[in-house]
N, C-alpha and C. Protein backbone atom coordinates (compact mmCIF):
# COMPACT_ATOMS: atom_id res chain seq x y z
N UNK A 1 -4.80 -46.90 -1.01
CA UNK A 1 -3.73 -46.69 -1.95
C UNK A 1 -3.61 -45.20 -2.23
N UNK A 2 -2.42 -44.68 -2.10
CA UNK A 2 -2.19 -43.26 -2.32
C UNK A 2 -1.65 -43.06 -3.73
N UNK A 3 -2.29 -42.17 -4.45
CA UNK A 3 -1.83 -41.88 -5.80
C UNK A 3 -0.99 -40.62 -5.79
N UNK A 4 0.16 -40.71 -6.40
CA UNK A 4 1.03 -39.54 -6.52
C UNK A 4 1.00 -39.06 -7.96
N UNK A 5 1.17 -37.78 -8.12
CA UNK A 5 1.28 -37.24 -9.47
C UNK A 5 2.72 -36.80 -9.68
N UNK A 6 3.17 -36.98 -10.87
CA UNK A 6 4.53 -36.58 -11.23
C UNK A 6 4.43 -35.63 -12.39
N UNK A 7 5.09 -34.50 -12.25
CA UNK A 7 5.09 -33.52 -13.32
C UNK A 7 6.42 -33.62 -14.06
N UNK A 8 6.30 -33.92 -15.33
CA UNK A 8 7.50 -34.06 -16.15
C UNK A 8 7.31 -33.22 -17.40
N UNK A 9 8.30 -32.44 -17.69
CA UNK A 9 8.25 -31.62 -18.89
C UNK A 9 9.01 -32.33 -20.01
N UNK A 10 8.28 -32.72 -21.01
CA UNK A 10 8.88 -33.37 -22.17
C UNK A 10 8.44 -32.56 -23.39
N UNK A 11 9.42 -32.15 -24.13
CA UNK A 11 9.09 -31.38 -25.33
C UNK A 11 8.45 -32.28 -26.36
N UNK A 12 7.44 -31.74 -27.02
CA UNK A 12 6.80 -32.50 -28.09
C UNK A 12 7.75 -32.57 -29.27
N UNK A 13 7.75 -33.71 -29.88
CA UNK A 13 8.60 -33.89 -31.05
C UNK A 13 7.87 -33.33 -32.25
N UNK A 14 8.48 -32.41 -32.92
CA UNK A 14 7.83 -31.77 -34.07
C UNK A 14 8.57 -32.16 -35.35
N UNK A 15 7.82 -32.34 -36.34
CA UNK A 15 8.44 -32.64 -37.64
C UNK A 15 8.58 -34.13 -37.88
N UNK A 16 9.22 -34.43 -38.97
CA UNK A 16 9.45 -35.82 -39.34
C UNK A 16 10.63 -36.37 -38.55
N UNK A 17 10.58 -37.68 -38.28
CA UNK A 17 11.65 -38.29 -37.50
C UNK A 17 11.91 -39.69 -38.02
N UNK A 18 13.14 -40.09 -37.85
CA UNK A 18 13.47 -41.47 -38.18
C UNK A 18 12.98 -42.35 -37.05
N UNK A 19 12.95 -43.63 -37.31
CA UNK A 19 12.53 -44.57 -36.28
C UNK A 19 13.46 -44.50 -35.08
N UNK A 20 14.77 -44.35 -35.32
CA UNK A 20 15.73 -44.23 -34.23
C UNK A 20 15.47 -42.98 -33.41
N UNK A 21 15.13 -41.88 -34.03
CA UNK A 21 14.84 -40.64 -33.32
C UNK A 21 13.58 -40.79 -32.45
N UNK A 22 12.60 -41.52 -32.94
CA UNK A 22 11.39 -41.77 -32.16
C UNK A 22 11.73 -42.62 -30.94
N UNK A 23 12.54 -43.69 -31.15
CA UNK A 23 12.96 -44.52 -30.02
C UNK A 23 13.75 -43.71 -29.00
N UNK A 24 14.65 -42.88 -29.47
CA UNK A 24 15.46 -42.05 -28.58
C UNK A 24 14.57 -41.09 -27.78
N UNK A 25 13.59 -40.54 -28.44
CA UNK A 25 12.66 -39.62 -27.79
C UNK A 25 11.93 -40.32 -26.64
N UNK A 26 11.36 -41.50 -26.91
CA UNK A 26 10.62 -42.22 -25.88
C UNK A 26 11.54 -42.77 -24.79
N UNK A 27 12.76 -43.13 -25.14
CA UNK A 27 13.72 -43.58 -24.14
C UNK A 27 14.04 -42.44 -23.16
N UNK A 28 14.23 -41.25 -23.72
CA UNK A 28 14.51 -40.08 -22.88
C UNK A 28 13.31 -39.78 -21.97
N UNK A 29 12.11 -39.92 -22.51
CA UNK A 29 10.90 -39.69 -21.71
C UNK A 29 10.80 -40.70 -20.58
N UNK A 30 11.04 -41.96 -20.86
CA UNK A 30 10.99 -43.00 -19.83
C UNK A 30 12.07 -42.79 -18.77
N UNK A 31 13.26 -42.40 -19.20
CA UNK A 31 14.34 -42.13 -18.24
C UNK A 31 13.95 -40.97 -17.32
N UNK A 32 13.33 -39.97 -17.88
CA UNK A 32 12.89 -38.82 -17.09
C UNK A 32 11.84 -39.25 -16.06
N UNK A 33 10.91 -40.07 -16.48
CA UNK A 33 9.88 -40.58 -15.56
C UNK A 33 10.52 -41.44 -14.47
N UNK A 34 11.42 -42.31 -14.85
CA UNK A 34 12.09 -43.18 -13.86
C UNK A 34 12.87 -42.35 -12.86
N UNK A 35 13.58 -41.33 -13.31
CA UNK A 35 14.33 -40.46 -12.41
C UNK A 35 13.40 -39.75 -11.42
N UNK A 36 12.30 -39.26 -11.94
CA UNK A 36 11.34 -38.56 -11.09
C UNK A 36 10.74 -39.49 -10.04
N UNK A 37 10.37 -40.69 -10.44
CA UNK A 37 9.82 -41.66 -9.49
C UNK A 37 10.84 -42.07 -8.44
N UNK A 38 12.10 -42.19 -8.85
CA UNK A 38 13.16 -42.51 -7.90
C UNK A 38 13.32 -41.39 -6.88
N UNK A 39 13.31 -40.15 -7.33
CA UNK A 39 13.42 -39.00 -6.42
C UNK A 39 12.26 -38.98 -5.43
N UNK A 40 11.06 -39.29 -5.90
CA UNK A 40 9.90 -39.34 -5.02
C UNK A 40 10.05 -40.44 -3.97
N UNK A 41 10.56 -41.60 -4.37
CA UNK A 41 10.74 -42.71 -3.44
C UNK A 41 11.77 -42.35 -2.37
N UNK A 42 12.86 -41.71 -2.78
CA UNK A 42 13.90 -41.30 -1.83
C UNK A 42 13.33 -40.28 -0.85
N UNK A 43 12.55 -39.32 -1.35
CA UNK A 43 11.94 -38.31 -0.47
C UNK A 43 10.93 -38.95 0.49
N UNK A 44 10.14 -39.89 -0.01
CA UNK A 44 9.16 -40.57 0.85
C UNK A 44 9.86 -41.33 1.96
N UNK A 45 10.99 -41.96 1.66
CA UNK A 45 11.75 -42.69 2.68
C UNK A 45 12.31 -41.72 3.72
N UNK A 46 12.81 -40.59 3.27
CA UNK A 46 13.33 -39.58 4.20
C UNK A 46 12.20 -39.04 5.08
N UNK A 47 11.05 -38.80 4.49
CA UNK A 47 9.89 -38.32 5.26
C UNK A 47 9.47 -39.35 6.31
N UNK A 48 9.47 -40.62 5.93
CA UNK A 48 9.09 -41.69 6.85
C UNK A 48 10.08 -41.78 8.01
N UNK A 49 11.37 -41.64 7.72
CA UNK A 49 12.38 -41.67 8.79
C UNK A 49 12.18 -40.50 9.74
N UNK A 50 11.89 -39.32 9.19
CA UNK A 50 11.65 -38.15 10.03
C UNK A 50 10.43 -38.36 10.92
N UNK A 51 9.37 -38.88 10.34
CA UNK A 51 8.16 -39.17 11.13
C UNK A 51 8.47 -40.13 12.26
N UNK A 52 9.23 -41.19 11.97
CA UNK A 52 9.59 -42.16 13.00
C UNK A 52 10.42 -41.51 14.10
N UNK A 53 11.35 -40.63 13.73
CA UNK A 53 12.17 -39.93 14.71
C UNK A 53 11.32 -39.04 15.61
N UNK A 54 10.37 -38.35 15.00
CA UNK A 54 9.49 -37.46 15.77
C UNK A 54 8.64 -38.27 16.74
N UNK A 55 8.05 -39.35 16.28
CA UNK A 55 7.21 -40.20 17.13
C UNK A 55 8.04 -40.77 18.28
N UNK A 56 9.24 -41.22 17.99
CA UNK A 56 10.12 -41.74 19.04
C UNK A 56 10.45 -40.65 20.06
N UNK A 57 10.72 -39.47 19.58
CA UNK A 57 11.03 -38.34 20.46
C UNK A 57 9.84 -38.02 21.37
N UNK A 58 8.65 -37.99 20.80
CA UNK A 58 7.45 -37.72 21.60
C UNK A 58 7.27 -38.80 22.66
N UNK A 59 7.40 -40.06 22.25
CA UNK A 59 7.20 -41.16 23.19
C UNK A 59 8.25 -41.17 24.30
N UNK A 60 9.49 -40.80 23.97
CA UNK A 60 10.55 -40.78 24.98
C UNK A 60 10.46 -39.58 25.92
N UNK A 61 9.79 -38.52 25.50
CA UNK A 61 9.75 -37.30 26.29
C UNK A 61 8.36 -36.90 26.75
N UNK A 62 7.39 -37.79 26.63
CA UNK A 62 6.00 -37.41 26.92
C UNK A 62 5.76 -37.06 28.39
N UNK A 63 6.65 -37.46 29.29
CA UNK A 63 6.46 -37.12 30.71
C UNK A 63 7.24 -35.88 31.12
N UNK A 64 7.85 -35.23 30.15
CA UNK A 64 8.59 -33.99 30.40
C UNK A 64 7.59 -32.83 30.37
N UNK A 65 7.52 -32.09 31.45
CA UNK A 65 6.55 -30.99 31.54
C UNK A 65 6.84 -29.88 30.53
N UNK A 66 8.04 -29.83 29.99
CA UNK A 66 8.41 -28.81 29.01
C UNK A 66 8.06 -29.21 27.57
N UNK A 67 7.65 -30.44 27.36
CA UNK A 67 7.33 -30.90 26.01
C UNK A 67 6.09 -30.18 25.50
N UNK A 68 6.18 -29.66 24.30
CA UNK A 68 5.04 -28.98 23.67
C UNK A 68 5.17 -29.12 22.17
N UNK A 69 4.08 -28.85 21.48
CA UNK A 69 4.14 -28.84 20.01
C UNK A 69 5.20 -27.86 19.53
N UNK A 70 5.26 -26.72 20.19
CA UNK A 70 6.23 -25.69 19.81
C UNK A 70 7.66 -26.19 19.98
N UNK A 71 7.96 -26.83 21.11
CA UNK A 71 9.33 -27.30 21.35
C UNK A 71 9.71 -28.41 20.36
N UNK A 72 8.77 -29.28 20.05
CA UNK A 72 9.03 -30.35 19.08
C UNK A 72 9.23 -29.74 17.70
N UNK A 73 8.38 -28.78 17.37
CA UNK A 73 8.47 -28.09 16.09
C UNK A 73 9.84 -27.44 15.91
N UNK A 74 10.31 -26.78 16.94
CA UNK A 74 11.63 -26.14 16.87
C UNK A 74 12.75 -27.17 16.81
N UNK A 75 12.62 -28.25 17.56
CA UNK A 75 13.65 -29.28 17.60
C UNK A 75 13.84 -29.93 16.22
N UNK A 76 12.73 -30.21 15.54
CA UNK A 76 12.80 -30.91 14.25
C UNK A 76 12.68 -29.97 13.04
N UNK A 77 12.49 -28.68 13.32
CA UNK A 77 12.36 -27.69 12.25
C UNK A 77 11.24 -28.04 11.27
N UNK A 78 10.08 -28.35 11.87
CA UNK A 78 8.87 -28.60 11.09
C UNK A 78 7.75 -27.75 11.70
N UNK A 79 6.67 -27.62 10.97
CA UNK A 79 5.57 -26.79 11.47
C UNK A 79 4.74 -27.55 12.50
N UNK A 80 4.08 -26.81 13.35
CA UNK A 80 3.21 -27.44 14.35
C UNK A 80 2.01 -28.10 13.66
N UNK A 81 1.59 -27.54 12.54
CA UNK A 81 0.50 -28.16 11.78
C UNK A 81 0.91 -29.54 11.28
N UNK A 82 2.14 -29.65 10.78
CA UNK A 82 2.67 -30.95 10.35
C UNK A 82 2.66 -31.94 11.51
N UNK A 83 3.10 -31.49 12.69
CA UNK A 83 3.12 -32.36 13.87
C UNK A 83 1.72 -32.79 14.27
N UNK A 84 0.79 -31.87 14.21
CA UNK A 84 -0.60 -32.19 14.55
C UNK A 84 -1.16 -33.26 13.61
N UNK A 85 -0.89 -33.10 12.32
CA UNK A 85 -1.37 -34.08 11.35
C UNK A 85 -0.69 -35.43 11.56
N UNK A 86 0.60 -35.41 11.88
CA UNK A 86 1.34 -36.65 12.13
C UNK A 86 0.75 -37.38 13.34
N UNK A 87 0.48 -36.66 14.41
CA UNK A 87 -0.09 -37.29 15.61
C UNK A 87 -1.47 -37.88 15.30
N UNK A 88 -2.25 -37.14 14.58
CA UNK A 88 -3.59 -37.63 14.21
C UNK A 88 -3.46 -38.91 13.39
N UNK A 89 -2.49 -38.91 12.46
CA UNK A 89 -2.27 -40.07 11.59
C UNK A 89 -1.76 -41.28 12.39
N UNK A 90 -0.79 -41.07 13.25
CA UNK A 90 -0.17 -42.17 13.98
C UNK A 90 -0.98 -42.65 15.18
N UNK A 91 -1.59 -41.74 15.91
CA UNK A 91 -2.26 -42.10 17.15
C UNK A 91 -3.79 -42.11 17.04
N UNK A 92 -4.31 -41.45 16.03
CA UNK A 92 -5.76 -41.38 15.89
C UNK A 92 -6.40 -40.32 16.76
N UNK A 93 -5.57 -39.55 17.48
CA UNK A 93 -6.05 -38.46 18.34
C UNK A 93 -5.10 -37.28 18.17
N UNK A 94 -5.47 -36.16 18.77
CA UNK A 94 -4.61 -34.98 18.68
C UNK A 94 -3.35 -35.20 19.51
N UNK A 95 -2.37 -34.35 19.28
CA UNK A 95 -1.12 -34.40 20.05
C UNK A 95 -1.43 -34.31 21.54
N UNK A 96 -2.22 -33.32 21.92
CA UNK A 96 -2.51 -33.10 23.34
C UNK A 96 -3.26 -34.28 23.95
N UNK A 97 -4.21 -34.83 23.23
CA UNK A 97 -4.95 -35.99 23.73
C UNK A 97 -4.00 -37.17 23.94
N UNK A 98 -3.10 -37.38 23.00
CA UNK A 98 -2.14 -38.48 23.13
C UNK A 98 -1.26 -38.30 24.36
N UNK A 99 -0.71 -37.10 24.53
CA UNK A 99 0.16 -36.83 25.68
C UNK A 99 -0.61 -37.01 26.98
N UNK A 100 -1.80 -36.46 27.04
CA UNK A 100 -2.60 -36.58 28.26
C UNK A 100 -2.95 -38.04 28.57
N UNK A 101 -3.32 -38.79 27.55
CA UNK A 101 -3.64 -40.20 27.76
C UNK A 101 -2.43 -40.97 28.28
N UNK A 102 -1.26 -40.73 27.67
CA UNK A 102 -0.03 -41.40 28.12
C UNK A 102 0.29 -41.03 29.56
N UNK A 103 0.19 -39.76 29.88
CA UNK A 103 0.53 -39.29 31.23
C UNK A 103 -0.43 -39.87 32.27
N UNK A 104 -1.69 -39.89 31.96
CA UNK A 104 -2.68 -40.38 32.93
C UNK A 104 -2.57 -41.90 33.08
N UNK A 105 -2.31 -42.63 32.01
CA UNK A 105 -2.10 -44.08 32.13
C UNK A 105 -0.90 -44.36 33.03
N UNK A 106 0.17 -43.58 32.84
CA UNK A 106 1.37 -43.73 33.68
C UNK A 106 1.05 -43.36 35.12
N UNK A 107 0.26 -42.33 35.32
CA UNK A 107 -0.13 -41.94 36.67
C UNK A 107 -0.89 -43.07 37.36
N UNK A 108 -1.79 -43.71 36.62
CA UNK A 108 -2.55 -44.83 37.19
C UNK A 108 -1.61 -45.96 37.60
N UNK A 109 -0.61 -46.24 36.76
CA UNK A 109 0.37 -47.28 37.10
C UNK A 109 1.12 -46.92 38.38
N UNK A 110 1.56 -45.67 38.47
CA UNK A 110 2.31 -45.23 39.65
C UNK A 110 1.44 -45.25 40.90
N UNK A 111 0.19 -44.85 40.76
CA UNK A 111 -0.72 -44.88 41.91
C UNK A 111 -0.93 -46.31 42.41
N UNK A 112 -0.97 -47.27 41.49
CA UNK A 112 -1.13 -48.67 41.87
C UNK A 112 0.07 -49.19 42.65
N UNK A 113 1.24 -48.63 42.38
CA UNK A 113 2.45 -49.06 43.10
C UNK A 113 2.43 -48.59 44.55
N UNK A 114 1.64 -47.57 44.82
CA UNK A 114 1.48 -47.00 46.17
C UNK A 114 2.82 -46.61 46.80
N UNK A 115 3.76 -46.17 45.97
CA UNK A 115 5.07 -45.73 46.48
C UNK A 115 5.20 -44.21 46.45
N UNK A 116 4.26 -43.54 45.79
CA UNK A 116 4.39 -42.10 45.57
C UNK A 116 3.16 -41.37 46.06
N UNK A 117 3.38 -40.14 46.49
CA UNK A 117 2.24 -39.28 46.84
C UNK A 117 1.62 -38.76 45.56
N UNK A 118 0.43 -38.18 45.66
CA UNK A 118 -0.23 -37.61 44.47
C UNK A 118 0.63 -36.53 43.82
N UNK A 119 1.25 -35.69 44.63
CA UNK A 119 2.08 -34.62 44.05
C UNK A 119 3.31 -35.20 43.36
N UNK A 120 3.89 -36.27 43.88
CA UNK A 120 5.03 -36.92 43.22
C UNK A 120 4.60 -37.57 41.90
N UNK A 121 3.46 -38.21 41.91
CA UNK A 121 2.93 -38.83 40.69
C UNK A 121 2.70 -37.77 39.62
N UNK A 122 2.10 -36.67 40.03
CA UNK A 122 1.84 -35.58 39.07
C UNK A 122 3.14 -35.12 38.43
N UNK A 123 4.15 -34.89 39.23
CA UNK A 123 5.44 -34.41 38.71
C UNK A 123 6.09 -35.46 37.82
N UNK A 124 6.07 -36.72 38.24
CA UNK A 124 6.67 -37.80 37.45
C UNK A 124 5.98 -37.97 36.09
N UNK A 125 4.74 -37.56 36.02
CA UNK A 125 3.97 -37.72 34.78
C UNK A 125 3.93 -36.44 33.94
N UNK A 126 4.67 -35.41 34.35
CA UNK A 126 4.78 -34.22 33.53
C UNK A 126 3.84 -33.08 33.88
N UNK A 127 3.17 -33.17 35.01
CA UNK A 127 2.27 -32.10 35.42
C UNK A 127 2.95 -31.22 36.47
N UNK A 128 2.94 -29.93 36.24
CA UNK A 128 3.52 -29.00 37.20
C UNK A 128 2.44 -28.40 38.10
N UNK A 129 1.20 -28.64 37.76
CA UNK A 129 0.08 -28.08 38.51
C UNK A 129 -0.81 -29.22 39.01
N UNK A 130 -0.97 -29.33 40.31
CA UNK A 130 -1.77 -30.39 40.92
C UNK A 130 -3.22 -30.37 40.44
N UNK A 131 -3.79 -29.17 40.35
CA UNK A 131 -5.19 -29.04 39.95
C UNK A 131 -5.39 -29.56 38.52
N UNK A 132 -4.48 -29.20 37.63
CA UNK A 132 -4.56 -29.69 36.26
C UNK A 132 -4.46 -31.21 36.23
N UNK A 133 -3.53 -31.75 36.99
CA UNK A 133 -3.36 -33.21 37.06
C UNK A 133 -4.66 -33.87 37.53
N UNK A 134 -5.24 -33.36 38.59
CA UNK A 134 -6.47 -33.95 39.12
C UNK A 134 -7.62 -33.88 38.12
N UNK A 135 -7.75 -32.73 37.46
CA UNK A 135 -8.83 -32.57 36.46
C UNK A 135 -8.66 -33.53 35.30
N UNK A 136 -7.43 -33.61 34.78
CA UNK A 136 -7.17 -34.50 33.64
C UNK A 136 -7.37 -35.95 34.03
N UNK A 137 -6.90 -36.32 35.21
CA UNK A 137 -7.06 -37.70 35.68
C UNK A 137 -8.54 -38.06 35.75
N UNK A 138 -9.31 -37.18 36.36
CA UNK A 138 -10.74 -37.46 36.50
C UNK A 138 -11.44 -37.50 35.15
N UNK A 139 -11.07 -36.59 34.24
CA UNK A 139 -11.75 -36.58 32.94
C UNK A 139 -11.43 -37.84 32.12
N UNK A 140 -10.25 -38.39 32.29
CA UNK A 140 -9.87 -39.58 31.52
C UNK A 140 -10.27 -40.87 32.24
N UNK A 141 -10.03 -40.93 33.53
CA UNK A 141 -10.27 -42.17 34.29
C UNK A 141 -11.67 -42.22 34.92
N UNK A 142 -12.34 -41.07 35.01
CA UNK A 142 -13.68 -41.05 35.58
C UNK A 142 -13.71 -41.08 37.10
N UNK A 143 -12.57 -40.88 37.72
CA UNK A 143 -12.46 -40.94 39.18
C UNK A 143 -11.33 -40.02 39.61
N UNK A 144 -11.43 -39.49 40.82
CA UNK A 144 -10.34 -38.67 41.34
C UNK A 144 -9.10 -39.53 41.57
N UNK A 145 -7.93 -38.97 41.37
CA UNK A 145 -6.71 -39.77 41.59
C UNK A 145 -6.57 -40.25 43.03
N UNK A 146 -7.06 -39.47 43.97
CA UNK A 146 -6.96 -39.87 45.39
C UNK A 146 -7.85 -41.09 45.69
N UNK A 147 -8.87 -41.33 44.86
CA UNK A 147 -9.78 -42.45 45.06
C UNK A 147 -9.43 -43.64 44.16
N UNK A 148 -8.41 -43.49 43.35
CA UNK A 148 -8.10 -44.52 42.34
C UNK A 148 -7.46 -45.75 42.96
N UNK A 149 -8.03 -46.88 42.64
CA UNK A 149 -7.47 -48.19 42.97
C UNK A 149 -7.88 -49.14 41.88
N UNK A 150 -6.91 -49.90 41.39
CA UNK A 150 -7.26 -50.86 40.32
C UNK A 150 -7.48 -52.23 40.88
């Protein structure tokens, strides 16, 4: 459960007051609290929509060799730190680990189809460098891509 704090400035009532003035005072305070909570709920919904859009964008573009934290940050006008925290929250791993895992899983699927060469698989999975592709494949799958068979 996440606890939020709300800062509300309510002037203290000084002096004597009628019962109606006391009721009016507390009604105004409650209205102020309700307004603040409503604004927080609206902002939380907007934040959630933005997070969903970012995650969808990452998932749709994860095989693009140009995809980077920087490019996503610029596209959505958010900080790379925010993106890193979002990836950690949604995927349980860093942005780079998530992208690499997705790319290598896709590479394994393509290699199983036996329709593509290693260099074609690397390119289709977002790698522009064969050596990097081979190293990442081996580090994640525990075997060279040329030896991979499921």
